[in-house]
């Protein structure tokens, strides 16, 4: 995967091999908020995790910077997440979407994540440029309904989630260093009453201190059902 890393006014092209895809979940710093999210899932018939934070292995080839993905069925939706990798000792931060099959999620959270492509923006930042104001970063998601209505879907500070250092420590204690891997961070609660499963999704990571934004914007195409 080719990324453009922005630092100190210049871009540098970087290749990430995507050795592993790791998907974290239930990563809130506030345990009450984590419990609320678990209860939110139960309302949709989804069993809670056995361990929090949770960690899932995904299919590395499903990580994509493409502006479109193809899904099975009409019950899939995105989740705004910051995304992390480490290349040559340097930690990089991007923004992506943990696109998930909601129908399958009722039976298996792991499979519901593994079956979908994982969009990520192609422009990333150096973590070293963010650490002195990490908690001021904001995540935002916009979803489009099946009839094309734009909907504010998620919005909040990354301060609601495990810090970057704590997330990396948690993951690396469990599966080792993430060199050449891609790690999705977990997400924020929804602003809507239900999942919005539509034809387009956009996630943003906003840095108000350095006045810049990363974007992952993609369209969702459904595989057609063909007659035998």
Protein backbone atom coordinates (compact mmCIF):
# COMPACT_ATOMS: atom_id res chain seq x y z
CA UNK A 1 0.00 0.00 0.00
CA UNK A 2 1.37 3.41 -1.00
CA UNK A 3 0.89 6.32 1.40
CA UNK A 4 1.77 10.00 1.26
CA UNK A 5 3.15 11.05 4.65
CA UNK A 6 2.74 14.77 5.38
CA UNK A 7 5.26 16.38 7.74
CA UNK A 8 6.66 19.88 8.06
CA UNK A 9 5.12 21.08 4.82
CA UNK A 10 6.26 18.24 2.56
CA UNK A 11 5.01 14.85 1.36
CA UNK A 12 7.06 11.66 1.34
CA UNK A 13 5.88 8.51 -0.42
CA UNK A 14 5.97 5.45 1.84
CA UNK A 15 5.21 1.79 1.10
CA UNK A 16 3.40 -0.21 3.78
CA UNK A 17 3.48 -3.98 3.16
CA UNK A 18 0.37 -4.59 5.33
CA UNK A 19 1.86 -7.68 6.90
CA UNK A 20 -1.17 -7.99 9.19
CA UNK A 21 -4.49 -6.22 9.56
CA UNK A 22 -5.42 -5.69 13.22
CA UNK A 23 -8.79 -4.30 14.29
CA UNK A 24 -9.19 -3.06 17.85
CA UNK A 25 -12.57 -2.54 19.48
CA UNK A 26 -14.14 -1.29 22.70
CA UNK A 27 -11.17 1.02 23.21
CA UNK A 28 -12.88 3.78 25.21
CA UNK A 29 -11.01 5.32 28.13
CA UNK A 30 -14.33 5.78 29.92
CA UNK A 31 -15.54 2.33 30.95
CA UNK A 32 -19.10 3.62 31.31
CA UNK A 33 -19.02 4.61 27.65
CA UNK A 34 -17.63 1.20 26.71
CA UNK A 35 -20.45 -0.48 28.62
CA UNK A 36 -22.98 1.74 26.83
CA UNK A 37 -21.55 0.69 23.46
CA UNK A 38 -21.80 -2.97 24.44
CA UNK A 39 -25.43 -2.40 25.41
CA UNK A 40 -25.98 -0.62 22.08
CA UNK A 41 -24.78 -3.73 20.28
CA UNK A 42 -27.03 -5.96 22.37
CA UNK A 43 -30.02 -3.91 21.19
CA UNK A 44 -29.06 -5.02 17.69
CA UNK A 45 -28.82 -8.65 18.77
CA UNK A 46 -25.01 -8.64 18.90
CA UNK A 47 -23.27 -10.41 21.77
CA UNK A 48 -20.66 -8.40 23.66
CA UNK A 49 -16.95 -9.26 23.58
CA UNK A 50 -15.31 -11.65 26.02
CA UNK A 51 -12.42 -9.22 26.57
CA UNK A 52 -12.02 -5.46 26.27
CA UNK A 53 -10.29 -3.90 24.53
CA UNK A 54 -11.00 -6.51 21.88
CA UNK A 55 -8.64 -7.31 19.02
CA UNK A 56 -9.48 -9.03 15.74
CA UNK A 57 -7.34 -10.23 12.86
CA UNK A 58 -8.48 -9.09 9.43
CA UNK A 59 -7.47 -9.98 5.88
CA UNK A 60 -4.47 -7.78 4.96
CA UNK A 61 -5.45 -7.63 1.28
CA UNK A 62 -8.74 -5.97 2.23
CA UNK A 63 -7.01 -2.71 3.28
CA UNK A 64 -7.57 -0.30 0.41
CA UNK A 65 -7.07 3.36 -0.50
CA UNK A 66 -9.60 3.02 -3.32
CA UNK A 67 -12.56 5.37 -3.42
CA UNK A 68 -15.01 2.48 -3.72
CA UNK A 69 -15.65 -0.91 -2.17
CA UNK A 70 -17.92 -3.81 -3.09
CA UNK A 71 -20.07 -5.50 -0.43
CA UNK A 72 -22.48 -8.39 -0.02
CA UNK A 73 -26.04 -7.21 0.63
CA UNK A 74 -27.56 -3.97 1.84
CA UNK A 75 -26.75 -4.16 5.57
CA UNK A 76 -23.18 -2.87 5.74
CA UNK A 77 -21.90 0.39 7.20
CA UNK A 78 -18.70 2.22 8.06
CA UNK A 79 -17.07 3.26 11.32
CA UNK A 80 -14.71 6.24 11.61
CA UNK A 81 -11.37 5.20 13.12
CA UNK A 82 -7.84 6.46 13.27
CA UNK A 83 -5.43 3.98 11.76
CA UNK A 84 -1.83 3.30 12.80
CA UNK A 85 1.22 1.68 11.28
CA UNK A 86 4.95 1.66 12.01
CA UNK A 87 7.51 1.74 9.20
CA UNK A 88 11.27 1.86 9.78
CA UNK A 89 10.67 2.72 13.43
CA UNK A 90 8.35 5.64 12.62
CA UNK A 91 4.71 5.55 13.76
CA UNK A 92 2.25 6.95 11.22
CA UNK A 93 -1.40 7.89 11.78
CA UNK A 94 -4.17 7.93 9.17
CA UNK A 95 -7.94 7.78 9.06
CA UNK A 96 -10.08 4.95 7.78
CA UNK A 97 -13.33 3.07 8.15
CA UNK A 98 -13.87 -0.33 9.72
CA UNK A 99 -16.62 -1.22 7.25
CA UNK A 100 -18.74 -4.00 8.76
CA UNK A 101 -21.47 -6.38 7.63
CA UNK A 102 -24.24 -5.68 10.15
CA UNK A 103 -26.35 -8.68 9.22
CA UNK A 104 -23.41 -11.03 9.76
CA UNK A 105 -22.41 -9.16 12.93
CA UNK A 106 -25.45 -10.55 14.72
CA UNK A 107 -23.86 -14.00 14.35
CA UNK A 108 -20.13 -13.21 14.53
CA UNK A 109 -18.41 -9.88 15.15
CA UNK A 110 -15.13 -11.30 13.85
CA UNK A 111 -16.55 -12.58 10.56
CA UNK A 112 -18.59 -9.41 10.02
CA UNK A 113 -15.35 -7.43 10.00
CA UNK A 114 -13.28 -9.93 8.07
CA UNK A 115 -15.70 -10.09 5.14
CA UNK A 116 -15.55 -6.36 4.29
CA UNK A 117 -12.87 -4.26 2.65
CA UNK A 118 -11.20 -1.72 4.93
CA UNK A 119 -10.94 1.73 3.33
CA UNK A 120 -8.21 4.10 4.49
CA UNK A 121 -7.13 7.53 3.31
CA UNK A 122 -3.89 7.74 1.31
CA UNK A 123 -2.48 10.74 3.24
CA UNK A 124 -1.06 10.10 6.72
CA UNK A 125 0.68 12.10 9.45
CA UNK A 126 3.76 11.40 11.54
CA UNK A 127 2.74 10.54 15.10
CA UNK A 128 5.66 12.60 16.42
CA UNK A 129 3.92 15.72 15.08
CA UNK A 130 0.76 14.89 17.05
CA UNK A 131 1.82 13.65 20.46
CA UNK A 132 1.94 17.05 22.18
CA UNK A 133 -1.74 17.67 21.34
CA UNK A 134 -3.09 14.16 20.72
CA UNK A 135 -6.24 14.56 22.83
CA UNK A 136 -7.32 17.58 20.80
CA UNK A 137 -7.70 15.50 17.63
CA UNK A 138 -11.29 14.84 16.54
CA UNK A 139 -12.97 12.02 14.63
CA UNK A 140 -16.00 12.66 12.47
CA UNK A 141 -18.12 10.49 10.20
CA UNK A 142 -20.77 11.29 7.62
CA UNK A 143 -23.01 8.57 6.20
CA UNK A 144 -25.42 8.68 3.28
CA UNK A 145 -28.78 6.94 3.53
CA UNK A 146 -30.01 4.65 0.73
CA UNK A 147 -32.01 7.56 -0.71
CA UNK A 148 -28.94 9.82 -0.73
CA UNK A 149 -29.52 11.92 2.39
CA UNK A 150 -26.32 13.12 4.06
CA UNK A 151 -26.31 12.30 7.78
CA UNK A 152 -23.98 13.33 10.61
CA UNK A 153 -23.08 9.90 11.94
CA UNK A 154 -20.24 10.16 14.47
CA UNK A 155 -18.35 13.02 16.07
CA UNK A 156 -16.04 13.32 19.05
CA UNK A 157 -12.56 13.66 20.46
CA UNK A 158 -9.98 10.90 20.39
CA UNK A 159 -9.62 11.70 24.10
CA UNK A 160 -12.66 9.43 24.52
CA UNK A 161 -10.52 6.52 23.31
CA UNK A 162 -7.31 4.90 24.49
CA UNK A 163 -4.33 7.14 23.84
CA UNK A 164 -2.07 6.22 20.97
CA UNK A 165 0.65 5.01 23.34
CA UNK A 166 -1.79 2.94 25.42
CA UNK A 167 -3.38 1.41 22.33
CA UNK A 168 -0.01 0.41 20.90
CA UNK A 169 1.09 -1.01 24.25
CA UNK A 170 -2.11 -3.05 24.58
CA UNK A 171 -1.84 -4.46 21.07
CA UNK A 172 1.88 -5.13 21.13
CA UNK A 173 1.63 -6.91 24.48
CA UNK A 174 -0.83 -9.29 22.86
CA UNK A 175 0.49 -9.82 19.32
CA UNK A 176 3.93 -8.22 19.17
CA UNK A 177 5.25 -5.13 17.40
CA UNK A 178 3.11 -3.78 14.56
CA UNK A 179 5.99 -3.11 12.14
CA UNK A 180 4.50 -3.15 8.65
CA UNK A 181 1.03 -3.89 10.02
CA UNK A 182 -2.11 -1.76 9.87
CA UNK A 183 -4.06 -1.23 13.10
CA UNK A 184 -7.59 0.18 13.29
CA UNK A 185 -8.28 1.96 16.58
CA UNK A 186 -11.86 1.25 17.51
CA UNK A 187 -14.57 3.83 17.13
CA UNK A 188 -16.93 6.33 18.75
CA UNK A 189 -20.67 5.93 19.53
CA UNK A 190 -23.22 6.67 16.83
CA UNK A 191 -25.18 9.91 16.71
CA UNK A 192 -28.08 8.10 15.03
CA UNK A 193 -30.53 5.61 16.49
CA UNK A 194 -29.46 2.88 14.11
CA UNK A 195 -26.74 1.99 11.62
CA UNK A 196 -26.93 3.93 8.38
CA UNK A 197 -26.30 1.46 5.56
CA UNK A 198 -26.03 3.50 2.40
CA UNK A 199 -24.08 4.15 -0.79
CA UNK A 200 -21.35 6.43 0.59
CA UNK A 201 -19.33 6.98 3.77
CA UNK A 202 -16.78 9.56 4.84
CA UNK A 203 -14.52 9.58 7.91
CA UNK A 204 -12.28 12.46 8.96
CA UNK A 205 -9.47 12.94 11.47
CA UNK A 206 -9.24 16.62 12.34
CA UNK A 207 -6.22 18.37 13.85
CA UNK A 208 -7.46 21.78 15.08
CA UNK A 209 -4.03 22.75 16.41
CA UNK A 210 -2.21 22.41 13.09
CA UNK A 211 -5.39 23.25 11.14
CA UNK A 212 -5.51 20.19 8.90
CA UNK A 213 -7.77 17.21 8.18
CA UNK A 214 -7.32 13.67 6.92
CA UNK A 215 -10.19 12.19 4.92
CA UNK A 216 -11.32 8.74 3.86
CA UNK A 217 -14.28 9.06 1.47
CA UNK A 218 -15.67 6.12 -0.49
CA UNK A 219 -18.74 4.78 -2.26
CA UNK A 220 -20.33 1.41 -1.50
CA UNK A 221 -21.43 -0.87 -4.31
CA UNK A 222 -23.48 -4.01 -3.75
CA UNK A 223 -22.78 -7.21 -5.62
CA UNK A 224 -25.75 -7.87 -7.89
CA UNK A 225 -27.94 -10.91 -7.46
CA UNK A 226 -27.93 -12.73 -10.80
CA UNK A 227 -30.49 -15.23 -12.01
CA UNK A 228 -29.27 -18.82 -12.36
